[in-house]
Amino acid sequence: MTEHRFSSAITKTSHGIRFAVRLTPRGGRDAIDGWATAADGSRHLKVRVSVPPEDGKANAALIVLLAKFFAVSKSSVTIVGGATARQKLVEVAGENAALTARLNDV
């Protein structure tokens, strides 16, 4: 099995993967900006959306963006932690190796 650059930032689950996201609402456009390392050494995916963080709009935009990125349904993407924070824990349902490989290409 090939080791991916950011495999330490990705947790495999029984039905997909889990990883941290740092979301920037009102970011000017919807985009995945790549991986970053926090001061504590933890890694997260930097994502920006153009909508404001009101009434769940930013979270909904994040789910749509990630669903398109992974080519999965919106129901396959779940925010499992940090719904009201910039730092979120996201889970994507699907085949582990394909999802991990897609994240490694960011």
Protein backbone atom coordinates (compact mmCIF):
# COMPACT_ATOMS: atom_id res chain seq x y z
CA MET A 1 0.00 0.00 0.00
CA THR A 2 1.31 3.44 -0.92
CA GLU A 3 1.81 5.89 1.95
CA HIS A 4 0.10 9.20 1.31
CA ARG A 5 1.60 12.54 2.34
CA PHE A 6 -1.24 13.43 4.66
CA SER A 7 -2.39 9.99 5.76
CA SER A 8 -1.58 10.91 9.37
CA ALA A 9 -4.24 13.65 9.15
CA ILE A 10 -6.87 11.22 7.84
CA THR A 11 -8.62 8.68 10.04
CA LYS A 12 -10.21 5.68 8.36
CA THR A 13 -13.65 4.71 9.66
CA SER A 14 -15.76 1.64 8.95
CA HIS A 15 -17.59 3.46 6.17
CA GLY A 16 -15.22 6.21 4.99
CA ILE A 17 -12.71 8.73 6.28
CA ARG A 18 -12.54 11.54 8.83
CA PHE A 19 -10.33 14.61 8.75
CA ALA A 20 -10.08 18.12 10.19
CA VAL A 21 -11.12 21.19 8.21
CA ARG A 22 -10.43 24.85 8.95
CA LEU A 23 -13.30 26.72 7.32
CA THR A 24 -13.11 30.37 6.33
CA PRO A 25 -16.56 31.83 5.65
CA ARG A 26 -16.83 34.94 3.48
CA GLY A 27 -13.65 33.75 1.77
CA GLY A 28 -14.48 35.37 -1.56
CA ARG A 29 -15.04 32.08 -3.39
CA ASP A 30 -15.65 28.41 -2.70
CA ALA A 31 -12.30 26.62 -2.77
CA ILE A 32 -10.12 23.99 -1.16
CA ASP A 33 -6.79 25.68 -0.47
CA GLY A 34 -4.75 22.64 0.57
CA TRP A 35 -3.31 21.21 3.75
CA ALA A 36 -1.89 23.27 6.61
CA THR A 37 -0.21 22.48 9.90
CA ALA A 38 -1.39 24.19 13.07
CA ALA A 39 0.94 25.44 15.81
CA ASP A 40 0.28 22.25 17.80
CA GLY A 41 1.44 20.12 14.87
CA SER A 42 -2.01 18.88 13.85
CA ARG A 43 -2.92 18.99 10.18
CA HIS A 44 -6.12 20.26 8.62
CA LEU A 45 -7.57 20.97 5.22
CA LYS A 46 -8.00 24.69 4.52
CA VAL A 47 -11.36 25.43 2.90
CA ARG A 48 -13.08 28.72 2.12
CA VAL A 49 -16.65 29.45 1.16
CA SER A 50 -18.14 32.70 -0.09
CA VAL A 51 -21.22 32.72 2.16
CA PRO A 52 -21.37 34.11 5.72
CA PRO A 53 -21.49 31.89 8.80
CA GLU A 54 -25.15 32.57 9.54
CA ASP A 55 -27.99 30.08 9.86
CA GLY A 56 -25.73 27.18 8.85
CA LYS A 57 -25.05 28.62 5.38
CA ALA A 58 -21.27 28.17 5.61
CA ASN A 59 -21.60 24.57 6.80
CA ALA A 60 -24.05 23.81 3.98
CA ALA A 61 -21.64 25.34 1.44
CA LEU A 62 -18.80 23.25 2.89
CA ILE A 63 -20.83 20.07 2.48
CA VAL A 64 -21.71 20.93 -1.13
CA LEU A 65 -18.08 21.77 -1.96
CA LEU A 66 -16.71 18.57 -0.41
CA ALA A 67 -19.40 16.43 -2.03
CA LYS A 68 -18.43 17.80 -5.45
CA PHE A 69 -14.71 17.38 -4.68
CA PHE A 70 -15.12 13.72 -3.69
CA ALA A 71 -17.86 13.04 -6.32
CA VAL A 72 -20.24 11.73 -3.65
CA SER A 73 -23.74 12.72 -2.61
CA LYS A 74 -24.23 15.55 -0.11
CA SER A 75 -25.62 12.99 2.34
CA SER A 76 -22.22 11.23 2.30
CA VAL A 77 -20.54 14.30 3.85
CA THR A 78 -21.18 14.96 7.55
CA ILE A 79 -19.80 17.52 9.97
CA VAL A 80 -19.28 15.37 13.06
CA GLY A 81 -17.61 18.01 15.24
CA GLY A 82 -17.22 21.76 15.48
CA ALA A 83 -20.42 22.76 13.70
CA THR A 84 -20.25 26.27 15.18
CA ALA A 85 -16.45 26.63 15.08
CA ARG A 86 -14.00 27.30 12.27
CA GLN A 87 -12.15 24.08 13.03
CA LYS A 88 -14.41 21.16 12.10
CA LEU A 89 -14.22 17.40 11.98
CA VAL A 90 -15.68 16.06 8.74
CA GLU A 91 -16.58 12.52 7.78
CA VAL A 92 -17.02 11.36 4.19
CA ALA A 93 -18.64 8.01 3.44
CA GLY A 94 -17.11 5.96 0.66
CA GLU A 95 -14.19 3.72 -0.22
CA ASN A 96 -11.25 4.60 2.07
CA ALA A 97 -8.41 4.28 -0.44
CA ALA A 98 -10.10 6.35 -3.15
CA LEU A 99 -11.12 9.11 -0.73
CA THR A 100 -7.65 9.23 0.84
CA ALA A 101 -5.98 9.33 -2.57
CA ARG A 102 -8.24 12.23 -3.61
CA LEU A 103 -7.26 14.19 -0.47
CA ASN A 104 -3.60 13.50 -1.09
CA ASP A 105 -3.90 15.22 -4.48
CA VAL A 106 -4.88 18.54 -2.86
